[in-house]
Protein backbone atom coordinates (compact mmCIF):
# COMPACT_ATOMS: atom_id res chain seq x y z
CA MET A 1 -25.85 -3.59 -51.94
CA LEU A 2 -28.46 -5.24 -49.69
CA SER A 3 -27.25 -7.18 -46.68
CA ALA A 4 -28.02 -10.89 -46.62
CA ALA A 5 -30.75 -10.41 -44.02
CA ALA A 6 -32.56 -7.52 -45.69
CA PRO A 7 -35.69 -8.13 -47.80
CA PRO A 8 -35.80 -6.53 -51.25
CA PRO A 9 -37.83 -3.37 -51.90
CA TYR A 10 -41.59 -3.80 -52.00
CA PRO A 11 -42.62 -4.58 -55.60
CA ILE A 12 -44.28 -2.20 -58.01
CA GLY A 13 -47.50 -3.42 -59.61
CA ARG A 14 -47.22 -4.48 -63.25
CA GLN A 15 -50.92 -5.11 -63.99
CA LEU A 16 -50.34 -8.87 -64.07
CA LEU A 17 -53.94 -9.45 -62.98
CA ALA A 18 -55.63 -6.59 -64.82
CA ASP A 19 -59.35 -7.19 -65.37
CA ARG A 20 -59.27 -10.31 -63.15
CA SER A 21 -61.40 -10.93 -60.08
CA VAL A 22 -59.86 -12.58 -57.02
CA LEU A 23 -61.39 -14.09 -53.87
CA VAL A 24 -59.00 -14.74 -50.96
CA THR A 25 -60.07 -16.73 -47.91
CA ALA A 26 -58.70 -15.91 -44.44
CA SER A 27 -57.53 -12.56 -45.77
CA ALA A 28 -58.28 -10.30 -42.80
CA GLY A 29 -55.12 -9.91 -40.79
CA SER A 30 -51.44 -9.18 -41.17
CA GLY A 31 -50.36 -12.49 -42.70
CA ILE A 32 -50.16 -14.14 -46.10
CA GLY A 33 -53.90 -13.78 -46.85
CA PHE A 34 -54.07 -10.00 -46.62
CA ALA A 35 -50.68 -9.61 -48.29
CA THR A 36 -52.04 -11.71 -51.16
CA ALA A 37 -55.22 -9.67 -51.44
CA ARG A 38 -53.21 -6.45 -51.43
CA ARG A 39 -50.70 -7.64 -54.03
CA CYS A 40 -53.48 -8.92 -56.30
CA ALA A 41 -55.22 -5.55 -56.06
CA GLU A 42 -51.95 -3.75 -56.80
CA GLU A 43 -51.61 -5.94 -59.88
CA GLY A 44 -54.95 -4.65 -61.17
CA ALA A 45 -57.41 -7.25 -59.87
CA ARG A 46 -60.81 -6.69 -58.32
CA VAL A 47 -60.41 -8.33 -54.92
CA MET A 48 -62.86 -9.72 -52.38
CA LEU A 49 -61.79 -10.52 -48.82
CA SER A 50 -63.22 -13.28 -46.67
CA ASP A 51 -62.55 -14.28 -43.07
CA ILE A 52 -64.21 -15.96 -40.11
CA HIS A 53 -63.67 -12.91 -37.87
CA GLU A 54 -66.28 -10.32 -38.85
CA GLN A 55 -64.87 -7.25 -37.08
CA ARG A 56 -61.35 -7.95 -38.31
CA LEU A 57 -62.71 -8.54 -41.80
CA GLU A 58 -64.45 -5.17 -41.84
CA ARG A 59 -61.34 -3.41 -40.53
CA PHE A 60 -58.95 -4.87 -43.06
CA ALA A 61 -61.33 -4.59 -46.00
CA ASP A 62 -61.83 -0.92 -45.14
CA GLN A 63 -58.06 -0.51 -44.84
CA LEU A 64 -57.50 -2.00 -48.28
CA ALA A 65 -60.34 0.05 -49.77
CA GLU A 66 -58.83 3.25 -48.40
CA SER A 67 -55.40 2.48 -49.83
CA LEU A 68 -56.86 1.55 -53.23
CA GLY A 69 -59.38 4.36 -53.40
CA ARG A 70 -62.21 2.00 -54.34
CA PRO A 71 -64.68 -0.28 -52.53
CA VAL A 72 -63.55 -3.75 -51.51
CA PRO A 73 -66.27 -6.40 -51.20
CA ARG A 74 -66.08 -8.71 -48.23
CA GLY A 75 -67.89 -11.77 -46.91
CA ARG A 76 -67.67 -13.54 -43.58
CA CYS A 77 -67.19 -17.28 -43.90
CA ASP A 78 -66.23 -20.25 -41.75
CA VAL A 79 -64.71 -22.72 -44.21
CA ARG A 80 -65.78 -25.59 -41.94
CA SER A 81 -69.37 -24.92 -43.01
CA ASP A 82 -70.41 -26.08 -46.46
CA THR A 83 -73.43 -23.77 -46.29
CA GLN A 84 -71.29 -20.72 -45.56
CA VAL A 85 -68.74 -21.63 -48.22
CA ARG A 86 -71.42 -21.99 -50.89
CA ALA A 87 -72.96 -18.67 -49.83
CA LEU A 88 -69.55 -16.96 -50.04
CA ILE A 89 -68.88 -18.30 -53.53
CA ALA A 90 -72.34 -17.20 -54.67
CA GLN A 91 -71.78 -13.73 -53.20
CA ALA A 92 -68.37 -13.45 -54.87
CA GLU A 93 -69.76 -14.59 -58.22
CA GLU A 94 -72.33 -11.81 -58.02
CA GLU A 95 -70.19 -8.99 -56.59
CA LEU A 96 -67.13 -9.73 -58.72
CA ASP A 97 -69.11 -10.64 -61.85
CA GLY A 98 -67.55 -14.09 -61.71
CA ILE A 99 -64.49 -15.45 -59.90
CA ASP A 100 -61.37 -15.63 -62.04
CA VAL A 101 -59.00 -16.54 -59.21
CA LEU A 102 -59.68 -18.32 -55.92
CA VAL A 103 -56.95 -18.34 -53.28
CA ASN A 104 -57.53 -20.93 -50.56
CA ASN A 105 -55.52 -19.46 -47.71
CA ALA A 106 -57.66 -20.43 -44.70
CA GLY A 107 -55.65 -22.54 -42.30
CA LEU A 108 -54.84 -23.40 -38.71
CA GLY A 109 -51.44 -24.12 -37.20
CA MET A 110 -50.60 -26.23 -34.18
CA THR A 111 -47.44 -27.54 -32.56
CA ARG A 112 -48.23 -30.76 -30.74
CA SER A 113 -46.71 -34.22 -30.66
CA LEU A 114 -48.77 -36.98 -32.20
CA LEU A 115 -49.38 -38.62 -28.83
CA ASP A 116 -50.56 -35.34 -27.31
CA THR A 117 -52.92 -34.49 -30.18
CA SER A 118 -56.56 -35.09 -29.33
CA ALA A 119 -59.04 -36.46 -31.85
CA GLU A 120 -60.86 -33.14 -31.76
CA GLU A 121 -57.69 -31.15 -32.51
CA TRP A 122 -56.80 -33.50 -35.37
CA GLN A 123 -60.26 -33.27 -36.90
CA ASN A 124 -60.47 -29.49 -36.56
CA LEU A 125 -57.10 -28.99 -38.25
CA LEU A 126 -58.06 -31.22 -41.16
CA ASP A 127 -61.49 -29.60 -41.37
CA VAL A 128 -60.01 -26.16 -41.91
CA ASN A 129 -56.75 -26.82 -43.75
CA LEU A 130 -57.86 -29.60 -46.08
CA SER A 131 -61.64 -29.89 -46.11
CA GLY A 132 -62.03 -26.10 -46.21
CA ALA A 133 -60.14 -25.98 -49.51
CA PHE A 134 -62.15 -28.95 -50.79
CA ARG A 135 -65.43 -27.16 -50.00
CA SER A 136 -64.30 -23.93 -51.64
CA MET A 137 -63.04 -25.65 -54.77
CA ARG A 138 -66.16 -27.77 -55.09
CA ALA A 139 -68.33 -24.67 -54.86
CA ALA A 140 -66.27 -22.48 -57.22
CA LEU A 141 -65.32 -24.93 -59.97
CA PRO A 142 -68.71 -25.40 -61.70
CA ALA A 143 -68.86 -21.73 -62.74
CA MET A 144 -65.18 -21.73 -63.72
CA HIS A 145 -65.73 -24.85 -65.84
CA ALA A 146 -68.75 -23.27 -67.50
CA ARG A 147 -66.74 -20.14 -68.38
CA GLY A 148 -63.80 -22.19 -69.60
CA ARG A 149 -61.23 -20.35 -67.51
CA GLY A 150 -60.04 -19.79 -63.97
CA SER A 151 -57.16 -20.29 -61.59
CA ILE A 152 -57.11 -21.71 -58.07
CA VAL A 153 -54.11 -21.34 -55.77
CA ASN A 154 -53.99 -23.40 -52.58
CA VAL A 155 -51.66 -22.31 -49.78
CA SER A 156 -49.80 -25.32 -48.39
CA SER A 157 -46.63 -25.39 -46.26
CA ILE A 158 -43.04 -26.58 -46.39
CA CYS A 159 -44.09 -28.99 -43.62
CA ALA A 160 -45.88 -30.98 -46.32
CA TRP A 161 -42.45 -31.99 -47.64
CA ARG A 162 -40.03 -31.69 -44.73
CA ALA A 163 -40.57 -33.37 -41.41
CA GLU A 164 -40.67 -31.30 -38.23
CA ALA A 165 -41.33 -32.65 -34.76
CA GLY A 166 -44.63 -31.47 -33.34
CA GLN A 167 -46.19 -30.91 -36.76
CA SER A 168 -47.81 -34.31 -37.44
CA ALA A 169 -51.37 -33.03 -37.78
CA TYR A 170 -50.47 -29.78 -39.53
CA ALA A 171 -48.08 -31.47 -41.97
CA ALA A 172 -50.59 -34.20 -42.79
CA SER A 173 -53.26 -31.61 -43.61
CA LYS A 174 -50.91 -29.60 -45.81
CA ALA A 175 -49.59 -32.68 -47.59
CA GLY A 176 -53.17 -33.73 -48.25
CA LEU A 177 -53.78 -30.30 -49.76
CA LEU A 178 -51.00 -30.92 -52.29
CA ALA A 179 -52.54 -34.26 -53.27
CA LEU A 180 -55.95 -32.58 -53.62
CA THR A 181 -54.35 -29.90 -55.80
CA ARG A 182 -52.77 -32.43 -58.17
CA CYS A 183 -55.86 -34.58 -58.61
CA ALA A 184 -58.30 -31.68 -58.99
CA ALA A 185 -55.97 -30.09 -61.53
CA LEU A 186 -56.22 -33.14 -63.78
CA GLU A 187 -60.01 -33.10 -63.52
CA SER A 188 -60.24 -29.39 -64.41
CA ALA A 189 -57.62 -29.15 -67.16
CA GLU A 190 -60.08 -29.97 -69.96
CA PHE A 191 -62.18 -26.98 -68.87
CA GLY A 192 -59.31 -24.50 -69.06
CA VAL A 193 -59.02 -24.15 -65.28
CA ARG A 194 -55.60 -24.32 -63.60
CA ILE A 195 -55.10 -25.45 -59.99
CA ASN A 196 -51.74 -25.02 -58.30
CA ALA A 197 -50.31 -24.66 -54.82
CA VAL A 198 -47.76 -22.41 -53.21
CA VAL A 199 -45.54 -23.99 -50.56
CA PRO A 200 -44.18 -21.32 -48.21
CA SER A 201 -41.34 -21.68 -45.79
CA LEU A 202 -41.28 -19.50 -42.68
CA ALA A 203 -43.05 -16.14 -43.04
CA ILE A 204 -43.17 -14.15 -39.82
CA HIS A 205 -46.13 -11.86 -39.14
CA PRO A 206 -47.85 -10.56 -35.98
CA HIS A 207 -50.27 -13.49 -35.67
CA LEU A 208 -47.42 -16.00 -35.78
CA GLU A 209 -45.54 -13.95 -33.22
CA LYS A 210 -48.56 -14.19 -30.92
CA VAL A 211 -48.60 -17.99 -30.94
CA SER A 212 -44.83 -18.62 -31.05
CA SER A 213 -42.10 -17.56 -28.67
CA PRO A 214 -39.38 -15.19 -29.96
CA GLU A 215 -36.80 -17.84 -29.06
CA PHE A 216 -38.55 -20.46 -31.19
CA LEU A 217 -38.81 -18.14 -34.21
CA GLN A 218 -35.18 -17.05 -33.88
CA ARG A 219 -34.08 -20.67 -33.73
CA MET A 220 -36.17 -21.57 -36.79
CA VAL A 221 -34.56 -18.76 -38.78
CA ALA A 222 -31.04 -19.52 -37.59
CA ASP A 223 -31.32 -23.26 -38.19
CA ASN A 224 -33.17 -23.27 -41.49
CA GLU A 225 -33.15 -20.06 -43.52
CA VAL A 226 -30.08 -19.46 -45.69
CA PHE A 227 -30.84 -15.75 -46.11
CA GLY A 228 -30.70 -15.33 -42.36
CA ARG A 229 -34.28 -14.07 -42.25
CA ALA A 230 -37.83 -15.29 -42.63
CA ALA A 231 -39.91 -14.44 -45.69
CA GLU A 232 -42.05 -11.34 -45.76
CA PRO A 233 -45.74 -12.24 -46.25
CA TRP A 234 -45.75 -10.25 -49.50
CA GLU A 235 -42.93 -12.43 -50.84
CA ILE A 236 -45.24 -15.41 -50.54
CA ALA A 237 -48.02 -13.33 -52.08
CA ASN A 238 -45.81 -12.62 -55.10
CA ALA A 239 -45.72 -16.36 -55.82
CA VAL A 240 -49.51 -16.52 -55.58
CA VAL A 241 -49.79 -13.62 -58.04
CA PHE A 242 -47.49 -15.45 -60.45
CA LEU A 243 -49.51 -18.68 -60.28
CA ALA A 244 -52.74 -16.75 -60.77
CA SER A 245 -51.39 -14.82 -63.75
CA ASP A 246 -50.88 -15.72 -67.40
CA TYR A 247 -47.16 -16.07 -66.70
CA ALA A 248 -48.09 -19.48 -65.26
CA SER A 249 -50.43 -20.38 -68.12
CA TYR A 250 -48.74 -23.75 -68.70
CA MET A 251 -48.67 -24.75 -65.03
CA THR A 252 -51.32 -26.85 -63.35
CA GLY A 253 -51.14 -29.46 -60.62
CA GLU A 254 -47.83 -27.97 -59.49
CA ALA A 255 -46.53 -27.02 -56.05
CA LEU A 256 -44.31 -23.93 -56.12
CA SER A 257 -41.88 -23.81 -53.23
CA VAL A 258 -41.12 -20.36 -51.81
CA SER A 259 -38.21 -21.38 -49.67
CA CYS A 260 -34.55 -20.81 -48.97
CA ARG A 261 -34.07 -23.61 -46.46
CA LYS A 262 -30.70 -25.17 -45.73
CA SER A 263 -31.97 -28.72 -46.09
């Protein structure tokens, strides 16, 4: 029997996204984005990676292609640029023969009190976390509406619901993303397009470990996580796969919490 702190075995693909095409933003790295791209591919989808960091994008796209045994399209994009976002969506439409699933994962984190947050930091966080998803959805939805199908999954955060000191800007951006998800879902329902959000708790990966002290992460786990561990990035990705799949066919405008927090 597994100990309380041990994650379950890595899942086996069940072809939940067979014959689907998936574009994942901010998917070059070792966090939720790449885990999502990998899990979608393992579930039978044709996957395209996007990221702002070109060299990292090439490395991780090549890594995924090698593991899958097939080419993986990729496109560099800064979601703060409407021009780049529109170019990425156009590229994905062409290379994937249409986008069935868009995963808006691009995001920035920051721990700073409200009084210590500069106007520039506030604006940059909103520009990536909230406006980036807005730009991507606005660019992708017309083709989805025309085809009469599609699924968009926005990656929010537990901070959107539960207050944490030092997270004013980050939490505001992620809460705004949930509101955007709900309203856009109502507007797209008549076209057969579903828009949902996944709301992760703490998922530890190398990038997070670079920007957070071990003591802080240990305290976050000890104080908040009932399993005595943080989530694996692929556990968050599993929720994205579910929302993108037909198993969630009657869900839109919803926020799916992936959390085991104590309060």
